[in-house]
C-alpha cells in the first residue's frame, strides 16, 4: 500500500477504513460534500420531474438514472416521501426538490425558464426519435400504470412518446425515464465526451 492521496476532497475516515460505496473511481475516498460540489460543476442542464401520488416504487430508480446521466435536479410532484431503495443512495449526490402539486411545479419551471417535456404514450404525442429536445428543459414522467395526470399533460410544452414494437402497451416507468434521459444525452453531449459527471 502506498501513501494515502492528499487533498481537501478526501475523507479521512474513508481513507482509513476503505471506501465500499458505489461511486466511480474518480470519486473514490472523496467526502460526500466534495462529490456533490464537483458534480455541481459538471451537471447537464436538463431536469427530471416525477408525479408521486401513489408512492410509486419506480421513483428511486429514476433518481438513480438521473444521477447517472448528471441531471441538474429531480423534482418530485405530490407526496414528499418516496421509496428510496431503488436510488441506491444516489439521492445523496442528486439535488431533489418537492412540489406539492402540478400547479406549483409548473409555476417554478416557468420562473426558471424550463420548458416541460412530458413523456407519455398519449394521442398527439411526438415520437421520441423525431423530437429535438431543448438543451434546457425538464423531462416529466408519470407513475407506473396511470401515467401522467391530465393536468400535467395539459401543462406540458411538448408530449413525447417512446417508440415500441412489441405487444405490451407501455414500458416500465423507470425504463422509460432512462430512455428519455439518454435521448437527451445523445442530442446534447459531444462524444468522445467522457468528461461528463457520470463517467470516469
N, C-alpha and C. Protein backbone atom coordinates (compact mmCIF):
# COMPACT_ATOMS: atom_id res chain seq x y z
N UNK A 1 0.84 -1.20 0.00
CA UNK A 1 0.00 0.00 0.00
C UNK A 1 0.88 1.25 0.00
N UNK A 2 0.61 2.15 -0.93
CA UNK A 2 1.33 3.40 -0.97
C UNK A 2 0.72 4.41 -0.01
N UNK A 3 1.28 5.62 0.01
CA UNK A 3 0.72 6.65 0.88
C UNK A 3 -0.67 7.05 0.43
N UNK A 4 -1.48 7.49 1.38
CA UNK A 4 -2.82 7.95 1.05
C UNK A 4 -2.77 9.20 0.17
N UNK A 5 -3.71 9.33 -0.76
CA UNK A 5 -3.77 10.58 -1.53
C UNK A 5 -4.09 11.74 -0.61
N UNK A 6 -3.67 12.92 -1.02
CA UNK A 6 -3.89 14.11 -0.19
C UNK A 6 -4.71 15.13 -0.96
N UNK A 7 -5.51 15.89 -0.23
CA UNK A 7 -6.33 16.94 -0.82
C UNK A 7 -7.58 17.14 0.02
N UNK A 8 -8.17 18.32 -0.06
CA UNK A 8 -9.34 18.61 0.77
C UNK A 8 -10.57 17.77 0.42
N UNK A 9 -10.57 17.16 -0.79
CA UNK A 9 -11.73 16.37 -1.19
C UNK A 9 -11.78 15.01 -0.50
N UNK A 10 -10.68 14.56 0.08
CA UNK A 10 -10.63 13.21 0.63
C UNK A 10 -11.18 13.16 2.06
N UNK A 11 -11.89 12.09 2.36
CA UNK A 11 -12.48 11.87 3.67
C UNK A 11 -11.52 11.01 4.49
N UNK A 12 -10.99 11.53 5.59
CA UNK A 12 -10.00 10.78 6.38
C UNK A 12 -10.54 9.42 6.85
N UNK A 13 -11.79 9.36 7.20
CA UNK A 13 -12.37 8.10 7.68
C UNK A 13 -12.42 7.05 6.57
N UNK A 14 -12.79 7.49 5.35
CA UNK A 14 -12.81 6.56 4.23
C UNK A 14 -11.41 6.10 3.86
N UNK A 15 -10.44 6.99 3.94
CA UNK A 15 -9.05 6.61 3.66
C UNK A 15 -8.56 5.57 4.66
N UNK A 16 -9.00 5.69 5.90
CA UNK A 16 -8.53 4.78 6.94
C UNK A 16 -9.24 3.43 6.88
N UNK A 17 -10.55 3.46 6.57
CA UNK A 17 -11.35 2.24 6.68
C UNK A 17 -11.68 1.61 5.33
N UNK A 18 -11.44 2.33 4.24
CA UNK A 18 -11.80 1.82 2.92
C UNK A 18 -13.11 2.41 2.44
N UNK A 19 -13.28 2.46 1.14
CA UNK A 19 -14.47 3.05 0.52
C UNK A 19 -15.21 1.97 -0.26
N UNK A 20 -16.33 1.52 0.29
CA UNK A 20 -17.12 0.47 -0.36
C UNK A 20 -18.34 1.04 -1.09
N UNK A 21 -18.41 2.36 -1.24
CA UNK A 21 -19.57 2.98 -1.88
C UNK A 21 -19.59 2.69 -3.39
N UNK A 22 -20.78 2.78 -3.96
CA UNK A 22 -20.95 2.59 -5.41
C UNK A 22 -20.69 3.92 -6.11
N UNK A 23 -19.42 4.31 -6.18
CA UNK A 23 -19.04 5.55 -6.86
C UNK A 23 -17.96 5.23 -7.89
N UNK A 24 -17.86 6.07 -8.91
CA UNK A 24 -16.84 5.88 -9.93
C UNK A 24 -15.45 6.10 -9.31
N UNK A 25 -14.42 5.61 -9.99
CA UNK A 25 -13.06 5.69 -9.45
C UNK A 25 -12.64 7.13 -9.14
N UNK A 26 -13.09 8.06 -9.96
CA UNK A 26 -12.74 9.47 -9.75
C UNK A 26 -13.09 9.93 -8.34
N UNK A 27 -14.21 9.42 -7.79
CA UNK A 27 -14.70 9.89 -6.50
C UNK A 27 -14.35 8.95 -5.34
N UNK A 28 -13.52 7.96 -5.58
CA UNK A 28 -13.13 7.04 -4.52
C UNK A 28 -12.43 7.79 -3.39
N UNK A 29 -12.92 7.62 -2.19
CA UNK A 29 -12.39 8.21 -0.96
C UNK A 29 -12.73 9.70 -0.81
N UNK A 30 -13.50 10.26 -1.74
CA UNK A 30 -13.92 11.65 -1.59
C UNK A 30 -15.06 11.72 -0.56
N UNK A 31 -15.16 12.83 0.13
CA UNK A 31 -16.31 13.05 1.01
C UNK A 31 -17.56 13.29 0.16
N UNK A 32 -18.71 13.03 0.75
CA UNK A 32 -19.97 13.24 0.03
C UNK A 32 -20.10 14.70 -0.41
N UNK A 33 -19.72 15.62 0.47
CA UNK A 33 -19.82 17.04 0.15
C UNK A 33 -18.93 17.42 -1.03
N UNK A 34 -17.75 16.83 -1.08
CA UNK A 34 -16.82 17.12 -2.19
C UNK A 34 -17.36 16.56 -3.50
N UNK A 35 -17.98 15.38 -3.45
CA UNK A 35 -18.56 14.80 -4.66
C UNK A 35 -19.68 15.69 -5.18
N UNK A 36 -20.58 16.12 -4.30
CA UNK A 36 -21.70 16.97 -4.72
C UNK A 36 -21.17 18.27 -5.32
N UNK A 37 -20.17 18.87 -4.68
CA UNK A 37 -19.61 20.13 -5.19
C UNK A 37 -19.00 19.93 -6.57
N UNK A 38 -18.32 18.81 -6.79
CA UNK A 38 -17.73 18.55 -8.10
C UNK A 38 -18.82 18.29 -9.15
N UNK A 39 -19.83 17.51 -8.78
CA UNK A 39 -20.94 17.27 -9.70
C UNK A 39 -21.63 18.57 -10.10
N UNK A 40 -21.72 19.49 -9.15
CA UNK A 40 -22.38 20.78 -9.43
C UNK A 40 -21.65 21.56 -10.52
N UNK A 41 -20.38 21.28 -10.74
CA UNK A 41 -19.64 21.94 -11.81
C UNK A 41 -19.82 21.23 -13.14
N UNK A 42 -20.45 20.03 -13.13
CA UNK A 42 -20.47 19.17 -14.31
C UNK A 42 -21.87 18.72 -14.71
N UNK A 43 -22.89 19.13 -13.97
CA UNK A 43 -24.24 18.65 -14.27
C UNK A 43 -24.72 19.17 -15.62
N UNK A 44 -25.59 18.39 -16.24
CA UNK A 44 -26.19 18.80 -17.51
C UNK A 44 -27.41 19.70 -17.24
N UNK A 45 -27.80 20.51 -18.22
CA UNK A 45 -28.86 21.49 -17.97
C UNK A 45 -30.28 20.97 -18.11
N UNK A 46 -30.46 19.64 -18.13
CA UNK A 46 -31.84 19.13 -18.11
C UNK A 46 -32.21 18.70 -16.70
N UNK A 47 -33.50 18.82 -16.39
CA UNK A 47 -34.05 18.41 -15.11
C UNK A 47 -34.98 17.23 -15.34
N UNK A 48 -35.34 16.55 -14.27
CA UNK A 48 -36.28 15.42 -14.33
C UNK A 48 -37.36 15.68 -13.30
N UNK A 49 -38.61 15.39 -13.67
CA UNK A 49 -39.73 15.53 -12.74
C UNK A 49 -40.58 14.28 -12.77
N UNK A 50 -41.11 13.90 -11.60
CA UNK A 50 -41.93 12.70 -11.47
C UNK A 50 -43.14 13.02 -10.61
N UNK A 51 -44.31 12.62 -11.09
CA UNK A 51 -45.51 12.73 -10.26
C UNK A 51 -45.50 11.59 -9.23
N UNK A 52 -45.86 11.92 -8.00
CA UNK A 52 -45.80 10.94 -6.90
C UNK A 52 -47.09 11.00 -6.08
N UNK A 53 -48.15 10.50 -6.65
CA UNK A 53 -49.44 10.50 -5.95
C UNK A 53 -49.69 9.17 -5.24
N UNK A 54 -49.10 8.09 -5.70
CA UNK A 54 -49.38 6.76 -5.17
C UNK A 54 -48.14 6.09 -4.59
N UNK A 55 -47.12 6.84 -4.23
CA UNK A 55 -45.89 6.30 -3.65
C UNK A 55 -45.28 5.27 -4.61
N UNK A 56 -45.05 5.69 -5.83
CA UNK A 56 -44.55 4.80 -6.89
C UNK A 56 -43.15 4.28 -6.54
N UNK A 57 -42.97 2.96 -6.61
CA UNK A 57 -41.69 2.34 -6.28
C UNK A 57 -40.62 2.63 -7.32
N UNK A 58 -41.00 3.12 -8.51
CA UNK A 58 -40.04 3.41 -9.57
C UNK A 58 -39.23 4.68 -9.33
N UNK A 59 -39.68 5.53 -8.42
CA UNK A 59 -39.05 6.84 -8.27
C UNK A 59 -37.57 6.70 -7.90
N UNK A 60 -37.25 5.78 -7.01
CA UNK A 60 -35.85 5.59 -6.63
C UNK A 60 -34.98 5.25 -7.82
N UNK A 61 -35.48 4.37 -8.70
CA UNK A 61 -34.71 4.00 -9.89
C UNK A 61 -34.56 5.18 -10.84
N UNK A 62 -35.58 6.03 -10.93
CA UNK A 62 -35.49 7.21 -11.78
C UNK A 62 -34.45 8.19 -11.24
N UNK A 63 -34.41 8.35 -9.92
CA UNK A 63 -33.40 9.22 -9.31
C UNK A 63 -32.00 8.67 -9.58
N UNK A 64 -31.86 7.35 -9.51
CA UNK A 64 -30.56 6.74 -9.80
C UNK A 64 -30.13 7.02 -11.24
N UNK A 65 -31.06 6.92 -12.18
CA UNK A 65 -30.73 7.21 -13.58
C UNK A 65 -30.41 8.69 -13.76
N UNK A 66 -31.15 9.56 -13.07
CA UNK A 66 -30.87 11.00 -13.15
C UNK A 66 -29.46 11.30 -12.69
N UNK A 67 -29.02 10.63 -11.64
CA UNK A 67 -27.64 10.79 -11.18
C UNK A 67 -26.65 10.28 -12.21
N UNK A 68 -26.94 9.11 -12.80
CA UNK A 68 -26.03 8.52 -13.79
C UNK A 68 -25.85 9.42 -14.99
N UNK A 69 -26.92 10.11 -15.40
CA UNK A 69 -26.85 10.99 -16.56
C UNK A 69 -26.57 12.44 -16.18
N UNK A 70 -26.27 12.67 -14.89
CA UNK A 70 -25.89 14.00 -14.39
C UNK A 70 -26.96 15.05 -14.66
N UNK A 71 -28.21 14.69 -14.37
CA UNK A 71 -29.30 15.67 -14.45
C UNK A 71 -29.07 16.76 -13.41
N UNK A 72 -29.54 17.95 -13.70
CA UNK A 72 -29.37 19.06 -12.77
C UNK A 72 -30.10 18.80 -11.45
N UNK A 73 -31.43 18.57 -11.55
CA UNK A 73 -32.26 18.42 -10.36
C UNK A 73 -33.40 17.46 -10.66
N UNK A 74 -33.81 16.71 -9.65
CA UNK A 74 -35.01 15.88 -9.75
C UNK A 74 -36.12 16.57 -8.95
N UNK A 75 -37.28 16.71 -9.58
CA UNK A 75 -38.44 17.34 -8.95
C UNK A 75 -39.49 16.27 -8.67
N UNK A 76 -39.90 16.15 -7.41
CA UNK A 76 -40.94 15.22 -7.02
C UNK A 76 -42.23 16.02 -6.85
N UNK A 77 -43.25 15.68 -7.63
CA UNK A 77 -44.53 16.39 -7.58
C UNK A 77 -45.52 15.55 -6.78
N UNK A 78 -46.09 16.12 -5.73
CA UNK A 78 -47.05 15.38 -4.92
C UNK A 78 -46.46 15.05 -3.57
N UNK A 79 -46.56 13.77 -3.19
CA UNK A 79 -46.07 13.36 -1.88
C UNK A 79 -44.57 13.62 -1.73
N UNK A 80 -44.22 14.16 -0.59
CA UNK A 80 -42.80 14.44 -0.33
C UNK A 80 -42.02 13.15 -0.12
N UNK A 81 -42.64 12.16 0.52
CA UNK A 81 -41.97 10.91 0.80
C UNK A 81 -42.00 10.00 -0.42
N UNK A 82 -40.89 9.30 -0.66
CA UNK A 82 -40.84 8.34 -1.76
C UNK A 82 -39.89 7.22 -1.37
N UNK A 83 -40.07 6.06 -1.97
CA UNK A 83 -39.27 4.89 -1.64
C UNK A 83 -37.86 5.06 -2.21
N UNK A 84 -36.88 5.18 -1.34
CA UNK A 84 -35.52 5.48 -1.77
C UNK A 84 -34.67 4.24 -2.06
N UNK A 85 -35.24 3.05 -1.85
CA UNK A 85 -34.44 1.83 -2.00
C UNK A 85 -33.82 1.72 -3.39
N UNK A 86 -34.62 2.01 -4.43
CA UNK A 86 -34.12 1.88 -5.80
C UNK A 86 -33.06 2.91 -6.16
N UNK A 87 -32.95 3.98 -5.37
CA UNK A 87 -31.96 5.02 -5.65
C UNK A 87 -30.55 4.57 -5.31
N UNK A 88 -30.42 3.52 -4.51
CA UNK A 88 -29.09 3.01 -4.14
C UNK A 88 -28.20 4.13 -3.61
N UNK A 89 -28.75 4.98 -2.76
CA UNK A 89 -28.14 6.13 -2.08
C UNK A 89 -27.64 7.22 -3.04
N UNK A 90 -27.95 7.11 -4.33
CA UNK A 90 -27.53 8.17 -5.25
C UNK A 90 -28.26 9.48 -4.97
N UNK A 91 -29.39 9.43 -4.24
CA UNK A 91 -30.10 10.66 -3.90
C UNK A 91 -29.24 11.57 -3.01
N UNK A 92 -28.21 11.02 -2.36
CA UNK A 92 -27.32 11.84 -1.54
C UNK A 92 -26.49 12.80 -2.40
N UNK A 93 -26.30 12.44 -3.66
CA UNK A 93 -25.46 13.24 -4.56
C UNK A 93 -26.30 14.03 -5.58
N UNK A 94 -27.60 13.87 -5.51
CA UNK A 94 -28.50 14.45 -6.51
C UNK A 94 -29.40 15.50 -5.86
N UNK A 95 -29.51 16.68 -6.47
CA UNK A 95 -30.45 17.68 -5.96
C UNK A 95 -31.87 17.19 -6.20
N UNK A 96 -32.68 17.16 -5.13
CA UNK A 96 -34.07 16.72 -5.21
C UNK A 96 -34.94 17.79 -4.58
N UNK A 97 -35.96 18.24 -5.32
CA UNK A 97 -36.89 19.24 -4.81
C UNK A 97 -38.31 18.69 -4.84
N UNK A 98 -39.13 19.13 -3.90
CA UNK A 98 -40.53 18.71 -3.83
C UNK A 98 -41.47 19.85 -4.19
N UNK A 99 -42.52 19.52 -4.94
CA UNK A 99 -43.58 20.47 -5.27
C UNK A 99 -44.90 19.82 -4.89
N UNK A 100 -45.72 20.47 -4.09
CA UNK A 100 -46.93 19.81 -3.57
C UNK A 100 -47.96 19.45 -4.63
N UNK A 101 -47.95 20.18 -5.74
CA UNK A 101 -48.94 19.89 -6.79
C UNK A 101 -48.41 20.33 -8.14
N UNK A 102 -49.15 19.98 -9.19
CA UNK A 102 -48.71 20.30 -10.55
C UNK A 102 -48.61 21.80 -10.77
N UNK A 103 -49.58 22.55 -10.26
CA UNK A 103 -49.60 24.00 -10.47
C UNK A 103 -48.35 24.65 -9.90
N UNK A 104 -47.95 24.23 -8.70
CA UNK A 104 -46.74 24.79 -8.07
C UNK A 104 -45.51 24.43 -8.88
N UNK A 105 -45.45 23.20 -9.35
CA UNK A 105 -44.33 22.76 -10.18
C UNK A 105 -44.24 23.57 -11.47
N UNK A 106 -45.38 23.74 -12.15
CA UNK A 106 -45.40 24.48 -13.42
C UNK A 106 -44.95 25.92 -13.20
N UNK A 107 -45.41 26.54 -12.14
CA UNK A 107 -45.01 27.93 -11.85
C UNK A 107 -43.50 28.02 -11.63
N UNK A 108 -42.93 27.05 -10.92
CA UNK A 108 -41.49 27.05 -10.67
C UNK A 108 -40.70 26.86 -11.96
N UNK A 109 -41.20 26.00 -12.86
CA UNK A 109 -40.50 25.77 -14.12
C UNK A 109 -40.57 27.01 -15.02
N UNK A 110 -41.70 27.66 -15.02
CA UNK A 110 -41.83 28.90 -15.82
C UNK A 110 -40.89 29.97 -15.30
N UNK A 111 -40.78 30.08 -13.99
CA UNK A 111 -39.87 31.07 -13.40
C UNK A 111 -38.42 30.75 -13.76
N UNK A 112 -38.09 29.46 -13.83
CA UNK A 112 -36.73 29.04 -14.17
C UNK A 112 -36.46 29.05 -15.66
N UNK A 113 -37.50 29.27 -16.47
CA UNK A 113 -37.33 29.27 -17.93
C UNK A 113 -37.09 27.89 -18.50
N UNK A 114 -37.69 26.87 -17.88
CA UNK A 114 -37.50 25.48 -18.31
C UNK A 114 -38.77 24.96 -18.99
N UNK A 115 -38.75 24.74 -20.31
CA UNK A 115 -39.90 24.12 -20.95
C UNK A 115 -40.13 22.70 -20.43
N UNK A 116 -41.38 22.31 -20.34
CA UNK A 116 -41.75 21.00 -19.80
C UNK A 116 -41.98 20.03 -20.96
N UNK A 117 -41.20 18.94 -20.98
CA UNK A 117 -41.36 17.90 -21.99
C UNK A 117 -41.92 16.66 -21.29
N UNK A 118 -43.20 16.40 -21.50
CA UNK A 118 -43.85 15.25 -20.89
C UNK A 118 -43.53 14.00 -21.70
N UNK A 119 -43.29 12.89 -21.01
CA UNK A 119 -43.01 11.63 -21.68
C UNK A 119 -44.16 10.67 -21.38
N UNK A 120 -44.99 10.41 -22.40
CA UNK A 120 -46.15 9.53 -22.22
C UNK A 120 -46.68 9.14 -23.59
N UNK A 121 -47.23 7.94 -23.69
CA UNK A 121 -47.77 7.50 -24.98
C UNK A 121 -49.27 7.79 -25.04
N UNK A 122 -49.57 9.05 -25.28
CA UNK A 122 -50.95 9.51 -25.37
C UNK A 122 -51.21 10.06 -26.77
N UNK A 123 -52.48 10.15 -27.17
CA UNK A 123 -52.78 10.69 -28.50
C UNK A 123 -52.18 12.09 -28.69
N UNK A 124 -51.60 12.31 -29.86
CA UNK A 124 -51.00 13.61 -30.18
C UNK A 124 -49.55 13.74 -29.78
N UNK A 125 -48.98 12.71 -29.17
CA UNK A 125 -47.57 12.80 -28.76
C UNK A 125 -46.64 12.67 -29.97
N UNK A 126 -45.42 13.18 -29.82
CA UNK A 126 -44.41 13.15 -30.86
C UNK A 126 -43.48 11.96 -30.60
N UNK A 127 -43.14 11.21 -31.64
CA UNK A 127 -42.23 10.08 -31.48
C UNK A 127 -40.84 10.60 -31.07
N UNK A 128 -40.25 9.98 -30.08
CA UNK A 128 -39.01 10.48 -29.48
C UNK A 128 -37.88 10.57 -30.50
N UNK A 129 -37.84 9.65 -31.47
CA UNK A 129 -36.75 9.66 -32.46
C UNK A 129 -36.81 10.88 -33.37
N UNK A 130 -37.95 11.56 -33.42
CA UNK A 130 -38.10 12.73 -34.29
C UNK A 130 -38.11 14.04 -33.51
N UNK A 131 -37.95 13.96 -32.19
CA UNK A 131 -38.11 15.15 -31.35
C UNK A 131 -36.76 15.77 -31.03
N UNK A 132 -36.67 17.09 -31.18
CA UNK A 132 -35.47 17.83 -30.80
C UNK A 132 -35.64 18.35 -29.38
N UNK A 133 -34.93 17.74 -28.45
CA UNK A 133 -35.03 18.17 -27.06
C UNK A 133 -34.37 19.52 -26.87
N UNK A 134 -35.04 20.46 -26.18
CA UNK A 134 -34.35 21.71 -25.83
C UNK A 134 -33.16 21.39 -24.93
N UNK A 135 -32.11 22.20 -25.04
CA UNK A 135 -30.94 21.96 -24.19
C UNK A 135 -31.29 22.14 -22.73
N UNK A 136 -32.02 23.20 -22.42
CA UNK A 136 -32.53 23.41 -21.06
C UNK A 136 -34.00 23.03 -21.04
N UNK A 137 -34.34 22.03 -20.26
CA UNK A 137 -35.74 21.59 -20.20
C UNK A 137 -35.91 20.71 -18.97
N UNK A 138 -37.15 20.34 -18.70
CA UNK A 138 -37.44 19.37 -17.65
C UNK A 138 -38.24 18.23 -18.28
N UNK A 139 -37.77 17.01 -18.08
CA UNK A 139 -38.44 15.81 -18.58
C UNK A 139 -39.41 15.33 -17.51
N UNK A 140 -40.68 15.27 -17.85
CA UNK A 140 -41.73 14.99 -16.87
C UNK A 140 -42.29 13.59 -17.07
N UNK A 141 -42.29 12.79 -16.00
CA UNK A 141 -42.74 11.40 -16.06
C UNK A 141 -43.90 11.16 -15.10
N UNK A 142 -44.76 10.24 -15.50
CA UNK A 142 -45.88 9.86 -14.65
C UNK A 142 -45.59 8.61 -13.87
N UNK A 143 -46.62 8.07 -13.27
CA UNK A 143 -46.49 6.89 -12.43
C UNK A 143 -46.71 5.61 -13.24
N UNK A 144 -46.20 4.52 -12.68
CA UNK A 144 -46.46 3.22 -13.26
C UNK A 144 -47.97 2.99 -13.29
N UNK A 145 -48.49 2.59 -14.45
CA UNK A 145 -49.93 2.31 -14.56
C UNK A 145 -50.68 3.49 -15.15
N UNK A 146 -51.05 4.47 -14.30
CA UNK A 146 -51.87 5.57 -14.83
C UNK A 146 -51.12 6.55 -15.72
N UNK A 147 -49.80 6.59 -15.64
CA UNK A 147 -49.04 7.56 -16.43
C UNK A 147 -49.22 8.96 -15.87
N UNK A 148 -49.04 9.96 -16.73
CA UNK A 148 -49.15 11.35 -16.29
C UNK A 148 -50.61 11.74 -16.08
N UNK A 149 -50.82 12.63 -15.13
CA UNK A 149 -52.16 13.15 -14.89
C UNK A 149 -52.58 14.05 -16.04
N UNK A 150 -53.87 14.23 -16.21
CA UNK A 150 -54.38 15.11 -17.27
C UNK A 150 -53.88 16.53 -17.07
N UNK A 151 -53.76 16.97 -15.82
CA UNK A 151 -53.27 18.32 -15.53
C UNK A 151 -51.82 18.48 -15.99
N UNK A 152 -51.02 17.45 -15.77
CA UNK A 152 -49.62 17.52 -16.17
C UNK A 152 -49.48 17.54 -17.69
N UNK A 153 -50.25 16.70 -18.36
CA UNK A 153 -50.22 16.68 -19.83
C UNK A 153 -50.61 18.05 -20.38
N UNK A 154 -51.65 18.64 -19.81
CA UNK A 154 -52.12 19.94 -20.29
C UNK A 154 -51.10 21.04 -20.08
N UNK A 155 -50.28 20.91 -19.06
CA UNK A 155 -49.29 21.95 -18.74
C UNK A 155 -48.01 21.82 -19.55
N UNK A 156 -47.82 20.70 -20.23
CA UNK A 156 -46.57 20.45 -20.94
C UNK A 156 -46.44 21.29 -22.20
N UNK A 157 -45.21 21.67 -22.50
CA UNK A 157 -44.93 22.38 -23.75
C UNK A 157 -44.83 21.42 -24.93
N UNK A 158 -44.51 20.15 -24.64
CA UNK A 158 -44.46 19.10 -25.67
C UNK A 158 -44.73 17.77 -24.97
N UNK A 159 -45.30 16.83 -25.73
CA UNK A 159 -45.53 15.48 -25.21
C UNK A 159 -44.85 14.51 -26.16
N UNK A 160 -43.96 13.68 -25.61
CA UNK A 160 -43.11 12.80 -26.42
C UNK A 160 -43.40 11.35 -26.05
N UNK A 161 -43.45 10.50 -27.06
CA UNK A 161 -43.74 9.08 -26.88
C UNK A 161 -42.53 8.25 -27.27
N UNK A 162 -42.22 7.24 -26.47
CA UNK A 162 -41.13 6.32 -26.78
C UNK A 162 -41.66 5.23 -27.71
N UNK A 163 -41.00 5.04 -28.85
CA UNK A 163 -41.44 4.04 -29.82
C UNK A 163 -41.37 2.64 -29.22
N UNK A 164 -42.40 1.85 -29.45
CA UNK A 164 -42.43 0.46 -29.00
C UNK A 164 -42.88 -0.41 -30.17
N UNK A 165 -42.39 -1.65 -30.18
CA UNK A 165 -42.62 -2.51 -31.33
C UNK A 165 -43.15 -3.89 -30.96
N UNK A 166 -43.42 -4.10 -29.68
CA UNK A 166 -43.93 -5.39 -29.23
C UNK A 166 -45.42 -5.33 -28.91
N UNK A 167 -45.86 -6.25 -28.06
CA UNK A 167 -47.29 -6.37 -27.77
C UNK A 167 -47.74 -5.60 -26.55
N UNK A 168 -46.78 -5.20 -25.67
CA UNK A 168 -47.19 -4.52 -24.45
C UNK A 168 -47.57 -3.07 -24.73
N UNK A 169 -48.49 -2.55 -23.93
CA UNK A 169 -48.99 -1.19 -24.15
C UNK A 169 -48.00 -0.13 -23.71
N UNK A 170 -47.20 -0.45 -22.69
CA UNK A 170 -46.26 0.55 -22.19
C UNK A 170 -45.07 -0.16 -21.56
N UNK A 171 -43.98 0.58 -21.40
CA UNK A 171 -42.81 0.02 -20.72
C UNK A 171 -42.75 0.57 -19.30
N UNK A 172 -41.96 -0.08 -18.47
CA UNK A 172 -41.79 0.31 -17.08
C UNK A 172 -41.41 1.79 -16.98
N UNK A 173 -41.96 2.47 -15.97
CA UNK A 173 -41.74 3.91 -15.84
C UNK A 173 -40.27 4.27 -15.68
N UNK A 174 -39.54 3.50 -14.89
CA UNK A 174 -38.12 3.83 -14.72
C UNK A 174 -37.33 3.56 -15.99
N UNK A 175 -37.73 2.53 -16.76
CA UNK A 175 -37.07 2.26 -18.04
C UNK A 175 -37.35 3.39 -19.02
N UNK A 176 -38.59 3.87 -19.05
CA UNK A 176 -38.95 4.98 -19.93
C UNK A 176 -38.15 6.23 -19.59
N UNK A 177 -37.96 6.47 -18.31
CA UNK A 177 -37.20 7.65 -17.88
C UNK A 177 -35.75 7.54 -18.34
N UNK A 178 -35.16 6.36 -18.21
CA UNK A 178 -33.77 6.17 -18.64
C UNK A 178 -33.63 6.37 -20.15
N UNK A 179 -34.59 5.85 -20.91
CA UNK A 179 -34.56 6.01 -22.37
C UNK A 179 -34.62 7.49 -22.74
N UNK A 180 -35.52 8.22 -22.11
CA UNK A 180 -35.68 9.64 -22.44
C UNK A 180 -34.46 10.46 -22.05
N UNK A 181 -33.90 10.18 -20.89
CA UNK A 181 -32.69 10.90 -20.47
C UNK A 181 -31.54 10.63 -21.44
N UNK A 182 -31.41 9.39 -21.86
CA UNK A 182 -30.32 9.07 -22.79
C UNK A 182 -30.56 9.72 -24.14
N UNK A 183 -31.82 9.85 -24.56
CA UNK A 183 -32.12 10.54 -25.82
C UNK A 183 -31.65 11.99 -25.75
N UNK A 184 -31.84 12.63 -24.58
CA UNK A 184 -31.34 14.00 -24.40
C UNK A 184 -29.81 13.99 -24.50
N UNK A 185 -29.16 13.04 -23.83
CA UNK A 185 -27.69 12.95 -23.84
C UNK A 185 -27.17 12.82 -25.27
N UNK A 186 -27.78 11.95 -26.06
CA UNK A 186 -27.33 11.72 -27.44
C UNK A 186 -27.37 13.01 -28.25
N UNK A 187 -28.38 13.85 -28.00
CA UNK A 187 -28.53 15.09 -28.76
C UNK A 187 -27.62 16.22 -28.27
N UNK A 188 -27.23 16.19 -27.01
CA UNK A 188 -26.59 17.39 -26.45
C UNK A 188 -25.20 17.19 -25.86
N UNK A 189 -24.74 15.95 -25.70
CA UNK A 189 -23.42 15.73 -25.13
C UNK A 189 -22.48 15.25 -26.23
N UNK A 190 -21.41 15.99 -26.51
CA UNK A 190 -20.48 15.56 -27.55
C UNK A 190 -19.74 14.29 -27.13
N UNK A 191 -19.68 13.35 -28.05
CA UNK A 191 -18.97 12.10 -27.76
C UNK A 191 -17.65 12.12 -28.51
N UNK A 192 -16.80 11.44 -27.98
CA UNK A 192 -15.72 11.32 -27.12
C UNK A 192 -15.84 12.06 -25.83
N UNK A 193 -17.04 12.66 -25.47
CA UNK A 193 -17.09 13.46 -24.26
C UNK A 193 -17.22 12.65 -23.01
N UNK A 194 -16.19 11.90 -22.66
CA UNK A 194 -16.21 11.13 -21.43
C UNK A 194 -15.97 12.03 -20.22
N UNK A 195 -16.01 13.33 -20.41
CA UNK A 195 -15.83 14.22 -19.28
C UNK A 195 -17.11 14.47 -18.51
N UNK A 196 -18.22 13.81 -18.88
CA UNK A 196 -19.46 14.03 -18.16
C UNK A 196 -19.35 13.45 -16.76
N UNK A 197 -20.21 13.94 -15.87
CA UNK A 197 -20.06 13.60 -14.46
C UNK A 197 -20.27 12.14 -14.17
N UNK A 198 -21.05 11.46 -14.96
CA UNK A 198 -21.35 10.08 -14.67
C UNK A 198 -20.33 9.10 -15.20
N UNK A 199 -19.24 9.55 -15.77
CA UNK A 199 -18.26 8.65 -16.36
C UNK A 199 -16.87 8.92 -15.82
N UNK A 200 -16.04 7.91 -15.85
CA UNK A 200 -14.67 8.08 -15.33
C UNK A 200 -13.81 8.75 -16.39
